[in-house]
Amino acid sequence: MSLAEGGLLVLAAAVGGALNSVAGGGSFFSFPALLMTGVGPIAANATSTVALWPGSLGAVVGYRRELSGGRRALVWLGLPSLAGGAVGAALLVRTPPEQFLKLLPVLLLAATVLFTWGDRWTRAREGGAKRLWLAAALQVPIAVYGGYFGGGMGLMMLAALALAGGWTIHEMNALKSTLAALLNAVAIATFLAAGVVDWPRAAVMVVGAVAGGYGGASLTRRVAPRRVRALVVVVGWALTGFFAWRQWLG
């Protein structure tokens, strides 16, 4: 790994960590950067997850105030996150990722549409009762997907929470960051057992991911909720377009 490659990986991890704390999709930067430095697709996927995980912890710390009243939601959503993350990671180390990547544009499109217009469906329930059962049911397939690949996973979580209703954008970001940290912890354990992590590159990227994750969470708390939502929507459509082009037209 050259100095230029190391710099690229640190920068990609910093952007990915910050993006994960705002809207998800951090692997949109970290995964291609690893591919550019010669890492294979499965190893790049696993290494990206390992590298961005500390950034997720930094985001959780940054959102600690928003999490203070959400213990019940964490229990409801944490259990399916752990189970789904384990299943998804097990699938990754046993199957070629290209088969699943072909479905990625469709999944991202569904999540982006939900979040773009989901607030219209849930606006009447702002501040009211939260439909935890619906959020938990949606979290199961999202967690499986997150353990398998993870690109756009945070966006999918935000879409599911918006559909369930009752949370502000900052509360949704706090829950999303915490759940991502949980399911990725289980996925990482699977990747370690399978020996598919590129440790030199992962170690370099951790530095950028931690700084980006904590800084992104601290910054978004100071931004108006409507602006954060607008950023999430832009990120979602950008991810959808990129992966559609790459898988179907590239």
Protein backbone atom coordinates (compact mmCIF):
# COMPACT_ATOMS: atom_id res chain seq x y z
CA MET A 1 0.00 0.00 0.00
CA SER A 2 1.54 3.28 -1.16
CA LEU A 3 1.34 6.63 0.63
CA ALA A 4 -1.13 7.89 -1.99
CA GLU A 5 -3.34 4.83 -1.50
CA GLY A 6 -3.24 5.31 2.26
CA GLY A 7 -4.26 8.95 1.90
CA LEU A 8 -7.13 7.97 -0.40
CA LEU A 9 -8.37 5.38 2.10
CA VAL A 10 -8.21 7.80 5.06
CA LEU A 11 -10.14 10.44 3.12
CA ALA A 12 -12.74 7.95 1.90
CA ALA A 13 -13.24 6.63 5.43
CA ALA A 14 -13.62 10.15 6.85
CA VAL A 15 -16.27 11.03 4.28
CA GLY A 16 -17.95 7.66 4.79
CA GLY A 17 -18.03 8.04 8.56
CA ALA A 18 -19.52 11.53 8.32
CA LEU A 19 -22.08 10.43 5.73
CA ASN A 20 -23.13 7.46 7.86
CA SER A 21 -23.84 9.80 10.77
CA VAL A 22 -26.05 11.95 8.54
CA ALA A 23 -27.87 9.71 6.09
CA GLY A 24 -26.02 6.43 5.63
CA GLY A 25 -24.26 5.32 2.47
CA GLY A 26 -20.72 5.64 3.82
CA SER A 27 -19.64 2.48 2.02
CA PHE A 28 -20.44 4.33 -1.22
CA PHE A 29 -17.03 5.94 -0.66
CA SER A 30 -15.07 3.36 1.33
CA PHE A 31 -15.94 0.30 -0.79
CA PRO A 32 -14.88 1.79 -4.18
CA ALA A 33 -11.73 3.24 -2.59
CA LEU A 34 -10.71 -0.23 -1.44
CA LEU A 35 -11.41 -1.66 -4.89
CA MET A 36 -9.21 1.06 -6.39
CA THR A 37 -6.30 -0.04 -4.20
CA GLY A 38 -6.51 -3.63 -5.45
CA VAL A 39 -8.68 -5.31 -2.80
CA GLY A 40 -11.11 -8.01 -4.02
CA PRO A 41 -14.87 -7.35 -3.78
CA ILE A 42 -15.64 -9.61 -0.81
CA ALA A 43 -12.56 -8.51 1.14
CA ALA A 44 -13.31 -4.87 0.26
CA ASN A 45 -16.85 -5.25 1.56
CA ALA A 46 -15.71 -6.83 4.82
CA THR A 47 -12.82 -4.38 5.27
CA SER A 48 -15.12 -1.42 4.63
CA THR A 49 -17.46 -2.64 7.36
CA VAL A 50 -14.61 -3.06 9.84
CA ALA A 51 -13.14 0.35 8.99
CA LEU A 52 -16.41 2.27 9.30
CA TRP A 53 -17.60 0.54 12.46
CA PRO A 54 -15.58 2.72 14.89
CA GLY A 55 -17.05 5.73 13.10
CA SER A 56 -20.50 4.40 13.93
CA LEU A 57 -19.49 4.32 17.60
CA GLY A 58 -18.33 7.92 17.30
CA ALA A 59 -21.71 8.86 15.84
CA VAL A 60 -23.51 7.10 18.71
CA VAL A 61 -21.52 9.16 21.21
CA GLY A 62 -22.30 12.31 19.23
CA TYR A 63 -26.03 11.50 19.38
CA ARG A 64 -26.10 10.48 23.07
CA ARG A 65 -28.63 13.18 23.99
CA GLU A 66 -31.09 12.05 21.33
CA LEU A 67 -30.74 8.44 22.54
CA SER A 68 -31.40 9.21 26.21
CA GLY A 69 -35.16 8.56 25.97
CA GLY A 70 -35.14 5.75 23.40
CA ARG A 71 -34.23 2.64 25.40
CA ARG A 72 -37.48 0.86 24.58
CA ALA A 73 -36.97 1.49 20.86
CA LEU A 74 -33.40 0.20 21.09
CA VAL A 75 -34.63 -3.09 22.56
CA TRP A 76 -37.34 -3.49 19.91
CA LEU A 77 -35.00 -2.67 17.04
CA GLY A 78 -31.71 -3.93 18.45
CA LEU A 79 -32.67 -7.61 18.56
CA PRO A 80 -33.68 -7.87 14.87
CA SER A 81 -30.57 -5.85 14.00
CA LEU A 82 -28.28 -8.38 15.69
CA ALA A 83 -30.04 -11.38 14.17
CA GLY A 84 -30.26 -9.90 10.69
CA GLY A 85 -26.65 -8.72 10.69
CA ALA A 86 -25.46 -12.23 11.55
CA VAL A 87 -27.51 -13.80 8.74
CA GLY A 88 -26.38 -11.24 6.16
CA ALA A 89 -22.69 -11.60 7.01
CA ALA A 90 -22.94 -15.40 6.85
CA LEU A 91 -24.46 -15.10 3.38
CA LEU A 92 -21.69 -12.77 2.22
CA VAL A 93 -18.83 -15.11 3.06
CA ARG A 94 -20.61 -17.99 1.28
CA THR A 95 -21.88 -16.37 -1.94
CA PRO A 96 -20.45 -14.11 -4.68
CA PRO A 97 -21.47 -10.50 -3.96
CA GLU A 98 -22.13 -9.74 -7.64
CA GLN A 99 -25.41 -11.67 -7.51
CA PHE A 100 -26.79 -9.44 -4.79
CA LEU A 101 -25.36 -6.21 -6.16
CA LYS A 102 -27.60 -6.53 -9.21
CA LEU A 103 -30.60 -5.98 -6.90
CA LEU A 104 -29.03 -3.00 -5.13
CA PRO A 105 -30.46 -0.24 -7.38
CA VAL A 106 -33.99 -1.56 -6.78
CA LEU A 107 -33.53 -1.65 -3.00
CA LEU A 108 -32.04 1.83 -2.93
CA LEU A 109 -34.84 3.19 -5.12
CA ALA A 110 -37.49 1.80 -2.76
CA ALA A 111 -35.75 3.27 0.29
CA THR A 112 -35.27 6.66 -1.35
CA VAL A 113 -38.89 6.89 -2.46
CA LEU A 114 -40.03 6.00 1.06
CA PHE A 115 -37.89 8.67 2.68
CA THR A 116 -38.60 11.32 0.05
CA TRP A 117 -42.34 11.14 0.53
CA GLY A 118 -42.61 9.22 3.80
CA ASP A 119 -42.90 12.38 5.89
CA ARG A 120 -46.23 13.14 4.17
CA TRP A 121 -47.61 9.84 5.43
CA THR A 122 -46.31 10.28 8.98
CA ARG A 123 -46.67 14.02 9.53
CA ALA A 124 -49.97 13.63 11.37
CA ARG A 125 -48.24 11.32 13.89
CA GLU A 126 -45.27 13.61 14.63
CA GLY A 127 -44.72 13.51 18.38
CA GLY A 128 -47.38 10.81 18.82
CA ALA A 129 -47.18 7.07 19.43
CA LYS A 130 -44.43 5.24 17.62
CA ARG A 131 -45.32 2.06 15.72
CA LEU A 132 -42.40 0.04 17.05
CA TRP A 133 -43.80 -3.23 15.74
CA LEU A 134 -43.68 -1.89 12.18
CA ALA A 135 -40.17 -0.47 12.58
CA ALA A 136 -38.97 -3.80 14.04
CA ALA A 137 -40.53 -5.82 11.20
CA LEU A 138 -38.89 -3.61 8.58
CA GLN A 139 -35.57 -3.75 10.41
CA VAL A 140 -35.18 -7.51 9.87
CA PRO A 141 -34.62 -7.47 6.07
CA ILE A 142 -32.69 -4.20 6.36
CA ALA A 143 -30.30 -5.80 8.86
CA VAL A 144 -29.82 -8.86 6.64
CA TYR A 145 -28.98 -6.57 3.75
CA GLY A 146 -26.69 -4.50 6.00
CA GLY A 147 -24.73 -7.55 7.08
CA TYR A 148 -24.40 -8.65 3.47
CA PHE A 149 -23.36 -5.42 1.74
CA GLY A 150 -24.50 -2.30 3.62
CA GLY A 151 -24.46 0.32 0.85
CA GLY A 152 -27.38 2.64 1.57
CA MET A 153 -28.34 0.68 4.70
CA GLY A 154 -28.64 3.84 6.79
CA LEU A 155 -30.95 5.36 4.22
CA MET A 156 -33.18 2.28 4.39
CA MET A 157 -33.32 2.52 8.19
CA LEU A 158 -34.32 6.17 8.00
CA ALA A 159 -37.03 5.32 5.47
CA ALA A 160 -38.41 2.59 7.75
CA LEU A 161 -38.41 4.86 10.80
CA ALA A 162 -40.11 7.62 8.82
CA LEU A 163 -42.79 5.16 7.73
CA ALA A 164 -43.32 3.94 11.29
CA GLY A 165 -43.70 7.55 12.43
CA GLY A 166 -43.23 9.42 15.70
CA TRP A 167 -39.52 10.31 15.52
CA THR A 168 -37.78 13.56 14.60
CA ILE A 169 -35.01 13.48 12.00
CA HIS A 170 -32.32 13.75 14.69
CA GLU A 171 -33.87 10.93 16.74
CA MET A 172 -34.00 8.78 13.60
CA ASN A 173 -30.35 9.50 12.89
CA ALA A 174 -29.44 8.56 16.47
CA LEU A 175 -31.32 5.25 16.27
CA LYS A 176 -29.94 4.50 12.83
CA SER A 177 -26.34 5.02 13.95
CA THR A 178 -26.80 2.83 17.03
CA LEU A 179 -28.52 0.01 15.16
CA ALA A 180 -25.85 0.08 12.45
CA ALA A 181 -23.17 -0.24 15.11
CA LEU A 182 -24.93 -3.26 16.62
CA LEU A 183 -25.52 -5.22 13.44
CA ASN A 184 -22.07 -4.44 12.07
CA ALA A 185 -20.49 -5.71 15.29
CA VAL A 186 -22.07 -9.10 14.64
CA ALA A 187 -21.11 -8.98 10.96
CA ILE A 188 -17.50 -8.15 11.84
CA ALA A 189 -17.29 -11.18 14.12
CA THR A 190 -18.32 -13.34 11.16
CA PHE A 191 -15.79 -11.68 8.85
CA LEU A 192 -13.01 -12.21 11.39
CA ALA A 193 -13.85 -15.89 11.67
CA ALA A 194 -13.78 -16.22 7.87
CA GLY A 195 -10.48 -14.33 7.55
CA VAL A 196 -11.67 -11.95 4.81
CA VAL A 197 -10.52 -8.62 6.31
CA ASP A 198 -7.55 -6.70 4.88
CA TRP A 199 -6.12 -5.53 8.21
CA PRO A 200 -3.44 -3.05 7.02
CA ARG A 201 -6.00 -1.07 5.03
CA ALA A 202 -8.66 -1.39 7.73
CA ALA A 203 -6.28 0.07 10.33
CA VAL A 204 -5.49 3.06 8.11
CA MET A 205 -9.17 3.77 7.45
CA VAL A 206 -10.27 3.59 11.08
CA VAL A 207 -8.59 6.94 11.82
CA GLY A 208 -10.63 8.79 9.22
CA ALA A 209 -13.86 6.95 10.05
CA VAL A 210 -13.77 7.89 13.75
CA ALA A 211 -13.15 11.56 13.03
CA GLY A 212 -15.82 11.66 10.34
CA GLY A 213 -18.45 9.83 12.40
CA TYR A 214 -18.17 11.99 15.51
CA GLY A 215 -17.81 15.22 13.57
CA GLY A 216 -20.78 14.43 11.35
CA ALA A 217 -23.09 13.68 14.28
CA SER A 218 -22.07 16.84 16.13
CA LEU A 219 -22.58 18.96 13.02
CA THR A 220 -26.02 17.64 12.07
CA ARG A 221 -27.46 18.45 15.51
CA ARG A 222 -26.88 22.12 14.72
CA VAL A 223 -28.55 21.96 11.32
CA ALA A 224 -32.28 22.53 10.75
CA PRO A 225 -34.18 19.21 10.43
CA ARG A 226 -35.56 20.10 7.00
CA ARG A 227 -32.02 20.60 5.68
CA VAL A 228 -30.88 17.25 7.04
CA ARG A 229 -33.90 15.60 5.42
CA ALA A 230 -33.11 17.32 2.12
CA LEU A 231 -29.53 16.04 2.30
CA VAL A 232 -30.77 12.50 2.96
CA VAL A 233 -33.00 12.69 -0.12
CA VAL A 234 -30.15 13.97 -2.32
CA VAL A 235 -27.82 11.23 -1.08
CA GLY A 236 -30.49 8.61 -1.72
CA TRP A 237 -31.13 9.58 -5.33
CA ALA A 238 -27.38 9.92 -5.98
CA LEU A 239 -26.74 6.41 -4.63
CA THR A 240 -29.61 4.98 -6.65
CA GLY A 241 -28.40 6.57 -9.88
CA PHE A 242 -24.79 5.53 -9.36
CA PHE A 243 -25.50 1.88 -8.64
CA ALA A 244 -28.11 1.66 -11.42
CA TRP A 245 -25.54 2.96 -13.89
CA ARG A 246 -22.83 0.67 -12.58
CA GLN A 247 -24.89 -2.52 -12.51
CA TRP A 248 -27.18 -2.07 -15.52
CA LEU A 249 -25.55 0.43 -17.89
CA GLY A 250 -21.83 0.46 -17.00
